[in-house]
Amino acid sequence: MSKLQVLSLTGNQISGSIPNSLFKCKELRYLSLWNNSMEGSIPIEIGNLTMLQSLYLGYNNFKGKISSVIGNLTFLEEFELSNNNLTGRIPSSLYNLSSLKVLFLYKNSLDGEIPYCIGNMSSLSHIDLEKNNFHGKIPENFGKSCTLHSFRISNNKIEGSLPRSLGNCKELRLLYVGNNYLNDTFPNWLGNLDQLQVLILRSNKFYGEVVSSGVTVSFTRLCLIDISHNNFRGYLPMKYFENLHAIKEGNGKKKINQST
């Protein structure tokens, strides 16, 4: 089937490895083997599928490293390898994927640092690297062209502070950095992101007082905030929480539903 463009085998009980004959389908644009029982390594021949735009291999038993040949897939927009047994680092060739919008690698055994190039990839809208063994710092080079909507790196070994350059990501709706070793003061500057709805800082080493100075928007869209299991101290600023309109509206609706 040399002209095949879409192949979806999602949600079956398919086992075994990816057959090499699949990589002769040079016109494949969408490939999903998601949620099966497949195993083995991801063949380097996958780099031959240079027309791929969407690749879903998550929820299988794949092992080994992510090959640098992934950089050959220059049209790739969605890259999903979650919930496997992958090890090693994210290859630097990821930077070749200038059209990449979705990067889901959560729940593997990947390690090393989060690639610096991620901050420069202005096309990325969703990043999920949760439940791996990443260490080091979050890249500090998110530019003004950043289009991130969600950024999840919880349950790793990330250190340092939240990069102030995340303030350039004006479309950010969800920031989930819980269960790491982040050591910083409360990021009141995130209050200027008027699209932010979910902020999870729990189980880190954040410290000091929760303050809202220098913030003009002040989390008006926030629906969920979790700052538990840190080292915050002092009083909760009432003026700050009075601006959390989305949370207040949500509580109001909940009470109405309960009464009816």
C-alpha atoms as a PDB file:
ATOM      1  CA  MET A   1       0.000   0.000   0.000  1.00  0.00           C
ATOM      2  CA  SER A   2       2.594   2.503  -1.125  1.00  0.00           C
ATOM      3  CA  LYS A   3       0.000   5.315  -1.376  1.00  0.00           C
ATOM      4  CA  LEU A   4      -1.327   4.859   2.171  1.00  0.00           C
ATOM      5  CA  GLN A   5      -1.652   8.176   4.001  1.00  0.00           C
ATOM      6  CA  VAL A   6      -3.606   7.316   7.183  1.00  0.00           C
ATOM      7  CA  LEU A   7      -3.210   4.244   9.397  1.00  0.00           C
ATOM      8  CA  SER A   8      -4.989   4.053  12.754  1.00  0.00           C
ATOM      9  CA  LEU A   9      -4.928   0.835  14.807  1.00  0.00           C
ATOM     10  CA  THR A  10      -5.721   2.591  18.095  1.00  0.00           C
ATOM     11  CA  GLY A  11      -7.180   0.696  21.052  1.00  0.00           C
ATOM     12  CA  ASN A  12      -6.727  -2.944  20.106  1.00  0.00           C
ATOM     13  CA  GLN A  13      -4.682  -5.834  21.482  1.00  0.00           C
ATOM     14  CA  ILE A  14      -1.992  -5.832  18.828  1.00  0.00           C
ATOM     15  CA  SER A  15       1.343  -7.221  20.019  1.00  0.00           C
ATOM     16  CA  GLY A  16       4.815  -7.675  18.596  1.00  0.00           C
ATOM     17  CA  SER A  17       7.138  -5.077  17.119  1.00  0.00           C
ATOM     18  CA  ILE A  18       6.582  -2.529  14.376  1.00  0.00           C
ATOM     19  CA  PRO A  19       7.179  -4.320  11.056  1.00  0.00           C
ATOM     20  CA  ASN A  20       9.850  -2.793   8.857  1.00  0.00           C
ATOM     21  CA  SER A  21       7.553  -3.096   5.840  1.00  0.00           C
ATOM     22  CA  LEU A  22       5.471  -0.280   7.316  1.00  0.00           C
ATOM     23  CA  PHE A  23       8.281   2.149   6.615  1.00  0.00           C
ATOM     24  CA  LYS A  24       7.873   1.607   2.884  1.00  0.00           C
ATOM     25  CA  CYS A  25       4.652   3.626   3.074  1.00  0.00           C
ATOM     26  CA  LYS A  26       6.477   6.840   2.288  1.00  0.00           C
ATOM     27  CA  GLU A  27       3.285   8.909   1.962  1.00  0.00           C
ATOM     28  CA  LEU A  28       1.999   8.212   5.471  1.00  0.00           C
ATOM     29  CA  ARG A  29       0.811  11.390   7.143  1.00  0.00           C
ATOM     30  CA  TYR A  30      -1.016   9.941  10.161  1.00  0.00           C
ATOM     31  CA  LEU A  31       0.162   6.874  12.082  1.00  0.00           C
ATOM     32  CA  SER A  32      -1.447   5.735  15.322  1.00  0.00           C
ATOM     33  CA  LEU A  33      -0.575   2.474  17.108  1.00  0.00           C
ATOM     34  CA  TRP A  34      -1.767   4.008  20.389  1.00  0.00           C
ATOM     35  CA  ASN A  35      -3.029   1.830  23.243  1.00  0.00           C
ATOM     36  CA  ASN A  36      -1.993  -1.652  22.186  1.00  0.00           C
ATOM     37  CA  SER A  37       0.507  -4.186  23.528  1.00  0.00           C
ATOM     38  CA  MET A  38       3.331  -3.562  21.110  1.00  0.00           C
ATOM     39  CA  GLU A  39       6.938  -3.910  22.218  1.00  0.00           C
ATOM     40  CA  GLY A  40      10.532  -3.688  21.108  1.00  0.00           C
ATOM     41  CA  SER A  41      12.388  -0.548  20.160  1.00  0.00           C
ATOM     42  CA  ILE A  42      11.149   2.140  17.821  1.00  0.00           C
ATOM     43  CA  PRO A  43      13.021   1.354  14.579  1.00  0.00           C
ATOM     44  CA  ILE A  44      15.314   4.005  13.152  1.00  0.00           C
ATOM     45  CA  GLU A  45      13.605   3.375   9.815  1.00  0.00           C
ATOM     46  CA  ILE A  46      10.770   5.522  11.099  1.00  0.00           C
ATOM     47  CA  GLY A  47      12.905   8.396   9.867  1.00  0.00           C
ATOM     48  CA  ASN A  48      11.974   7.299   6.332  1.00  0.00           C
ATOM     49  CA  LEU A  49       8.386   8.489   6.831  1.00  0.00           C
ATOM     50  CA  THR A  50       9.285  12.053   6.016  1.00  0.00           C
ATOM     51  CA  MET A  51       5.689  13.084   5.256  1.00  0.00           C
ATOM     52  CA  LEU A  52       4.391  12.218   8.744  1.00  0.00           C
ATOM     53  CA  GLN A  53       2.396  14.912  10.477  1.00  0.00           C
ATOM     54  CA  SER A  54       0.981  12.890  13.406  1.00  0.00           C
ATOM     55  CA  LEU A  55       2.702  10.021  15.234  1.00  0.00           C
ATOM     56  CA  TYR A  56       0.954   8.284  18.146  1.00  0.00           C
ATOM     57  CA  LEU A  57       2.795   5.349  19.732  1.00  0.00           C
ATOM     58  CA  GLY A  58       1.764   5.870  23.368  1.00  0.00           C
ATOM     59  CA  TYR A  59       0.396   3.296  25.806  1.00  0.00           C
ATOM     60  CA  ASN A  60       2.432   0.356  24.569  1.00  0.00           C
ATOM     61  CA  ASN A  61       5.562  -1.406  25.846  1.00  0.00           C
ATOM     62  CA  PHE A  62       8.179   0.190  23.627  1.00  0.00           C
ATOM     63  CA  LYS A  63      11.656   0.444  25.127  1.00  0.00           C
ATOM     64  CA  GLY A  64      15.039   1.863  24.260  1.00  0.00           C
ATOM     65  CA  LYS A  65      15.935   5.397  23.241  1.00  0.00           C
ATOM     66  CA  ILE A  66      14.283   7.967  21.029  1.00  0.00           C
ATOM     67  CA  SER A  67      16.470   7.971  17.937  1.00  0.00           C
ATOM     68  CA  SER A  68      17.869  11.213  16.536  1.00  0.00           C
ATOM     69  CA  VAL A  69      16.304  10.248  13.180  1.00  0.00           C
ATOM     70  CA  ILE A  70      13.126  11.781  14.556  1.00  0.00           C
ATOM     71  CA  GLY A  71      14.612  15.027  13.301  1.00  0.00           C
ATOM     72  CA  ASN A  72      14.009  13.806   9.744  1.00  0.00           C
ATOM     73  CA  LEU A  73      10.241  14.156  10.237  1.00  0.00           C
ATOM     74  CA  THR A  74      10.236  17.860   9.504  1.00  0.00           C
ATOM     75  CA  PHE A  75       6.453  18.021   8.886  1.00  0.00           C
ATOM     76  CA  LEU A  76       5.613  16.437  12.235  1.00  0.00           C
ATOM     77  CA  GLU A  77       3.003  18.361  14.230  1.00  0.00           C
ATOM     78  CA  GLU A  78       1.961  15.799  16.858  1.00  0.00           C
ATOM     79  CA  PHE A  79       4.525  13.536  18.563  1.00  0.00           C
ATOM     80  CA  GLU A  80       3.164  11.189  21.261  1.00  0.00           C
ATOM     81  CA  LEU A  81       5.171   8.398  22.935  1.00  0.00           C
ATOM     82  CA  SER A  82       3.595   8.471  26.391  1.00  0.00           C
ATOM     83  CA  ASN A  83       3.302   5.573  28.828  1.00  0.00           C
ATOM     84  CA  ASN A  84       6.042   3.333  27.463  1.00  0.00           C
ATOM     85  CA  ASN A  85       9.405   2.182  28.818  1.00  0.00           C
ATOM     86  CA  LEU A  86      11.625   4.597  26.916  1.00  0.00           C
ATOM     87  CA  THR A  87      14.986   5.619  28.361  1.00  0.00           C
ATOM     88  CA  GLY A  88      17.755   8.091  27.592  1.00  0.00           C
ATOM     89  CA  ARG A  89      17.572  11.722  26.565  1.00  0.00           C
ATOM     90  CA  ILE A  90      15.353  13.650  24.220  1.00  0.00           C
ATOM     91  CA  PRO A  91      17.512  13.994  21.081  1.00  0.00           C
ATOM     92  CA  SER A  92      18.625  17.482  20.139  1.00  0.00           C
ATOM     93  CA  SER A  93      17.389  16.811  16.600  1.00  0.00           C
ATOM     94  CA  LEU A  94      13.947  17.622  18.003  1.00  0.00           C
ATOM     95  CA  TYR A  95      14.790  21.218  17.096  1.00  0.00           C
ATOM     96  CA  ASN A  96      14.438  20.281  13.414  1.00  0.00           C
ATOM     97  CA  LEU A  97      10.693  19.854  13.948  1.00  0.00           C
ATOM     98  CA  SER A  98       9.764  23.451  13.288  1.00  0.00           C
ATOM     99  CA  SER A  99       6.053  22.599  12.855  1.00  0.00           C
ATOM    100  CA  LEU A 100       5.716  20.616  16.106  1.00  0.00           C
ATOM    101  CA  LYS A 101       2.642  21.591  18.139  1.00  0.00           C
ATOM    102  CA  VAL A 102       2.162  18.647  20.526  1.00  0.00           C
ATOM    103  CA  LEU A 103       4.958  16.859  22.433  1.00  0.00           C
ATOM    104  CA  PHE A 104       3.702  14.142  24.803  1.00  0.00           C
ATOM    105  CA  LEU A 105       6.390  11.963  26.415  1.00  0.00           C
ATOM    106  CA  TYR A 106       4.908  11.505  29.878  1.00  0.00           C
ATOM    107  CA  LYS A 107       5.271   8.363  31.989  1.00  0.00           C
ATOM    108  CA  ASN A 108       8.507   6.912  30.654  1.00  0.00           C
ATOM    109  CA  SER A 109      12.010   6.643  32.135  1.00  0.00           C
ATOM    110  CA  LEU A 110      13.560   9.439  30.110  1.00  0.00           C
ATOM    111  CA  ASP A 111      16.372  11.397  31.749  1.00  0.00           C
ATOM    112  CA  GLY A 112      18.838  14.190  31.148  1.00  0.00           C
ATOM    113  CA  GLU A 113      17.863  17.830  30.964  1.00  0.00           C
ATOM    114  CA  ILE A 114      14.868  19.294  29.209  1.00  0.00           C
ATOM    115  CA  PRO A 115      16.316  20.357  25.835  1.00  0.00           C
ATOM    116  CA  TYR A 116      17.109  24.049  25.658  1.00  0.00           C
ATOM    117  CA  CYS A 117      15.671  24.147  22.150  1.00  0.00           C
ATOM    118  CA  ILE A 118      12.127  23.681  23.494  1.00  0.00           C
ATOM    119  CA  GLY A 119      12.042  27.326  24.526  1.00  0.00           C
ATOM    120  CA  ASN A 120      12.851  28.383  20.964  1.00  0.00           C
ATOM    121  CA  MET A 121      10.183  26.229  19.303  1.00  0.00           C
ATOM    122  CA  SER A 122       7.472  28.829  18.886  1.00  0.00           C
ATOM    123  CA  SER A 123       5.064  26.361  17.254  1.00  0.00           C
ATOM    124  CA  LEU A 124       4.723  24.220  20.418  1.00  0.00           C
ATOM    125  CA  SER A 125       1.332  24.552  22.079  1.00  0.00           C
ATOM    126  CA  HIS A 126       1.254  21.490  24.375  1.00  0.00           C
ATOM    127  CA  ILE A 127       4.209  19.929  26.243  1.00  0.00           C
ATOM    128  CA  ASP A 128       3.803  17.011  28.650  1.00  0.00           C
ATOM    129  CA  LEU A 129       6.989  15.501  30.144  1.00  0.00           C
ATOM    130  CA  GLU A 130       5.460  14.322  33.430  1.00  0.00           C
ATOM    131  CA  LYS A 131       6.604  11.222  35.327  1.00  0.00           C
ATOM    132  CA  ASN A 132      10.119  10.829  33.968  1.00  0.00           C
ATOM    133  CA  ASN A 133      13.593  11.366  35.429  1.00  0.00           C
ATOM    134  CA  PHE A 134      14.428  14.759  33.957  1.00  0.00           C
ATOM    135  CA  HIS A 135      16.759  16.921  36.029  1.00  0.00           C
ATOM    136  CA  GLY A 136      18.432  20.299  35.747  1.00  0.00           C
ATOM    137  CA  LYS A 137      16.569  23.532  35.079  1.00  0.00           C
ATOM    138  CA  ILE A 138      13.633  24.551  32.950  1.00  0.00           C
ATOM    139  CA  PRO A 139      14.858  26.306  29.780  1.00  0.00           C
ATOM    140  CA  GLU A 140      14.919  30.066  30.220  1.00  0.00           C
ATOM    141  CA  ASN A 141      14.485  31.114  26.611  1.00  0.00           C
ATOM    142  CA  PHE A 142      10.730  31.214  25.983  1.00  0.00           C
ATOM    143  CA  GLY A 143      10.364  34.073  23.539  1.00  0.00           C
ATOM    144  CA  LYS A 144       7.620  36.568  22.782  1.00  0.00           C
ATOM    145  CA  SER A 145       6.441  34.339  19.940  1.00  0.00           C
ATOM    146  CA  CYS A 146       5.667  31.533  22.435  1.00  0.00           C
ATOM    147  CA  THR A 147       2.306  29.842  21.760  1.00  0.00           C
ATOM    148  CA  LEU A 148       2.247  27.407  24.693  1.00  0.00           C
ATOM    149  CA  HIS A 149      -1.207  26.502  26.010  1.00  0.00           C
ATOM    150  CA  SER A 150      -0.135  23.796  28.474  1.00  0.00           C
ATOM    151  CA  PHE A 151       3.199  22.904  30.079  1.00  0.00           C
ATOM    152  CA  ARG A 152       3.418  19.808  32.298  1.00  0.00           C
ATOM    153  CA  ILE A 153       6.670  18.659  33.907  1.00  0.00           C
ATOM    154  CA  SER A 154       5.447  17.285  37.247  1.00  0.00           C
ATOM    155  CA  ASN A 155       7.023  14.262  38.944  1.00  0.00           C
ATOM    156  CA  ASN A 156      10.577  14.769  37.758  1.00  0.00           C
ATOM    157  CA  LYS A 157      13.735  16.080  39.435  1.00  0.00           C
ATOM    158  CA  ILE A 158      13.702  19.615  38.079  1.00  0.00           C
ATOM    159  CA  GLU A 159      15.639  22.199  40.107  1.00  0.00           C
ATOM    160  CA  GLY A 160      16.158  25.936  40.111  1.00  0.00           C
ATOM    161  CA  SER A 161      13.515  28.597  39.623  1.00  0.00           C
ATOM    162  CA  LEU A 162      10.601  29.133  37.290  1.00  0.00           C
ATOM    163  CA  PRO A 163      12.018  30.979  34.279  1.00  0.00           C
ATOM    164  CA  ARG A 164      10.640  34.491  34.035  1.00  0.00           C
ATOM    165  CA  SER A 165      10.529  34.056  30.268  1.00  0.00           C
ATOM    166  CA  LEU A 166       7.364  31.953  30.755  1.00  0.00           C
ATOM    167  CA  GLY A 167       5.752  35.351  31.157  1.00  0.00           C
ATOM    168  CA  ASN A 168       6.100  35.674  27.372  1.00  0.00           C
ATOM    169  CA  CYS A 169       3.702  32.758  26.865  1.00  0.00           C
ATOM    170  CA  LYS A 170       0.552  34.883  26.767  1.00  0.00           C
ATOM    171  CA  GLU A 171      -1.674  31.954  25.742  1.00  0.00           C
ATOM    172  CA  LEU A 172      -0.617  29.707  28.644  1.00  0.00           C
ATOM    173  CA  ARG A 173      -3.661  28.101  30.256  1.00  0.00           C
ATOM    174  CA  LEU A 174      -2.126  25.321  32.342  1.00  0.00           C
ATOM    175  CA  LEU A 175       1.187  25.172  34.213  1.00  0.00           C
ATOM    176  CA  TYR A 176       1.818  21.960  36.156  1.00  0.00           C
ATOM    177  CA  VAL A 177       5.248  21.739  37.826  1.00  0.00           C
ATOM    178  CA  GLY A 178       4.358  19.776  40.978  1.00  0.00           C
ATOM    179  CA  ASN A 179       6.559  17.170  42.656  1.00  0.00           C
ATOM    180  CA  ASN A 180       9.964  18.514  41.693  1.00  0.00           C
ATOM    181  CA  TYR A 181      12.783  20.359  43.495  1.00  0.00           C
ATOM    182  CA  LEU A 182      11.993  23.870  42.301  1.00  0.00           C
ATOM    183  CA  ASN A 183      13.318  26.519  44.688  1.00  0.00           C
ATOM    184  CA  ASP A 184      11.821  29.953  44.154  1.00  0.00           C
ATOM    185  CA  THR A 185       9.524  32.597  45.575  1.00  0.00           C
ATOM    186  CA  PHE A 186       5.837  32.700  44.688  1.00  0.00           C
ATOM    187  CA  PRO A 187       5.584  33.499  40.932  1.00  0.00           C
ATOM    188  CA  ASN A 188       3.248  36.469  41.252  1.00  0.00           C
ATOM    189  CA  TRP A 189       4.427  37.611  37.812  1.00  0.00           C
ATOM    190  CA  LEU A 190       2.363  34.771  36.305  1.00  0.00           C
ATOM    191  CA  GLY A 191      -0.680  36.807  37.314  1.00  0.00           C
ATOM    192  CA  ASN A 192      -0.112  38.888  34.194  1.00  0.00           C
ATOM    193  CA  LEU A 193      -1.017  35.881  32.024  1.00  0.00           C
ATOM    194  CA  ASP A 194      -4.690  36.590  31.515  1.00  0.00           C
ATOM    195  CA  GLN A 195      -5.429  33.124  30.057  1.00  0.00           C
ATOM    196  CA  LEU A 196      -3.964  31.081  32.937  1.00  0.00           C
ATOM    197  CA  GLN A 197      -6.583  28.734  34.419  1.00  0.00           C
ATOM    198  CA  VAL A 198      -4.608  26.022  36.240  1.00  0.00           C
ATOM    199  CA  LEU A 199      -1.475  26.594  38.346  1.00  0.00           C
ATOM    200  CA  ILE A 200       0.016  23.619  40.208  1.00  0.00           C
ATOM    201  CA  LEU A 201       3.144  24.283  42.307  1.00  0.00           C
ATOM    202  CA  ARG A 202       2.640  21.598  44.958  1.00  0.00           C
ATOM    203  CA  SER A 203       5.446  19.555  46.522  1.00  0.00           C
ATOM    204  CA  ASN A 204       8.433  21.726  45.670  1.00  0.00           C
ATOM    205  CA  LYS A 205      10.646  24.096  47.653  1.00  0.00           C
ATOM    206  CA  PHE A 206       8.874  27.366  46.978  1.00  0.00           C
ATOM    207  CA  TYR A 207       9.260  29.765  49.882  1.00  0.00           C
ATOM    208  CA  GLY A 208       8.446  33.199  51.242  1.00  0.00           C
ATOM    209  CA  GLU A 209       5.186  35.105  51.252  1.00  0.00           C
ATOM    210  CA  VAL A 210       2.424  34.869  48.681  1.00  0.00           C
ATOM    211  CA  VAL A 211       2.378  38.389  47.309  1.00  0.00           C
ATOM    212  CA  SER A 212       0.722  40.113  44.380  1.00  0.00           C
ATOM    213  CA  SER A 213       2.816  43.277  43.988  1.00  0.00           C
ATOM    214  CA  GLY A 214       3.546  44.469  40.477  1.00  0.00           C
ATOM    215  CA  VAL A 215       0.691  42.445  38.960  1.00  0.00           C
ATOM    216  CA  THR A 216      -1.935  44.174  36.809  1.00  0.00           C
ATOM    217  CA  VAL A 217      -4.164  41.223  35.818  1.00  0.00           C
ATOM    218  CA  SER A 218      -3.792  39.017  38.924  1.00  0.00           C
ATOM    219  CA  PHE A 219      -5.023  35.557  37.867  1.00  0.00           C
ATOM    220  CA  THR A 220      -8.544  36.620  36.864  1.00  0.00           C
ATOM    221  CA  ARG A 221      -9.143  33.385  34.851  1.00  0.00           C
ATOM    222  CA  LEU A 222      -7.664  31.022  37.439  1.00  0.00           C
ATOM    223  CA  CYS A 223      -9.908  28.039  38.264  1.00  0.00           C
ATOM    224  CA  LEU A 224      -7.437  25.837  40.145  1.00  0.00           C
ATOM    225  CA  ILE A 225      -4.377  26.695  42.215  1.00  0.00           C
ATOM    226  CA  ASP A 226      -2.375  24.252  44.360  1.00  0.00           C
ATOM    227  CA  ILE A 227       0.580  25.567  46.374  1.00  0.00           C
ATOM    228  CA  SER A 228       0.493  22.840  49.044  1.00  0.00           C
ATOM    229  CA  HIS A 229       3.598  21.141  50.470  1.00  0.00           C
ATOM    230  CA  ASN A 230       6.011  24.039  50.013  1.00  0.00           C
ATOM    231  CA  ASN A 231       7.621  26.507  52.430  1.00  0.00           C
ATOM    232  CA  PHE A 232       5.323  29.486  52.060  1.00  0.00           C
ATOM    233  CA  ARG A 233       4.746  31.630  55.135  1.00  0.00           C
ATOM    234  CA  GLY A 234       2.899  34.722  56.297  1.00  0.00           C
ATOM    235  CA  TYR A 235      -0.644  35.789  55.532  1.00  0.00           C
ATOM    236  CA  LEU A 236      -2.702  35.146  52.431  1.00  0.00           C
ATOM    237  CA  PRO A 237      -3.294  38.557  50.837  1.00  0.00           C
ATOM    238  CA  MET A 238      -7.078  39.098  50.721  1.00  0.00           C
ATOM    239  CA  LYS A 239      -6.922  41.655  47.911  1.00  0.00           C
ATOM    240  CA  TYR A 240      -5.080  39.094  45.828  1.00  0.00           C
ATOM    241  CA  PHE A 241      -7.681  36.362  46.285  1.00  0.00           C
ATOM    242  CA  GLU A 242     -10.540  38.787  45.681  1.00  0.00           C
ATOM    243  CA  ASN A 243      -9.332  38.948  42.084  1.00  0.00           C
ATOM    244  CA  LEU A 244      -9.760  35.210  41.503  1.00  0.00           C
ATOM    245  CA  HIS A 245     -13.093  35.697  39.756  1.00  0.00           C
ATOM    246  CA  ALA A 246     -13.151  32.314  37.996  1.00  0.00           C
ATOM    247  CA  ILE A 247     -12.768  30.430  41.283  1.00  0.00           C
ATOM    248  CA  LYS A 248     -15.504  32.490  42.933  1.00  0.00           C
ATOM    249  CA  GLU A 249     -17.865  31.911  40.022  1.00  0.00           C
ATOM    250  CA  GLY A 250     -17.149  28.188  40.110  1.00  0.00           C
ATOM    251  CA  ASN A 251     -17.916  28.025  43.835  1.00  0.00           C
ATOM    252  CA  GLY A 252     -21.124  29.946  43.321  1.00  0.00           C
ATOM    253  CA  LYS A 253     -22.328  27.546  40.667  1.00  0.00           C
ATOM    254  CA  LYS A 254     -21.457  24.601  42.888  1.00  0.00           C
ATOM    255  CA  LYS A 255     -23.579  25.945  45.748  1.00  0.00           C
ATOM    256  CA  ILE A 256     -26.515  26.548  43.426  1.00  0.00           C
ATOM    257  CA  ASN A 257     -26.292  23.003  42.082  1.00  0.00           C
ATOM    258  CA  GLN A 258     -26.163  21.565  45.576  1.00  0.00           C
ATOM    259  CA  SER A 259     -29.215  23.516  46.694  1.00  0.00           C
ATOM    260  CA  THR A 260     -31.231  22.307  43.736  1.00  0.00           C
END
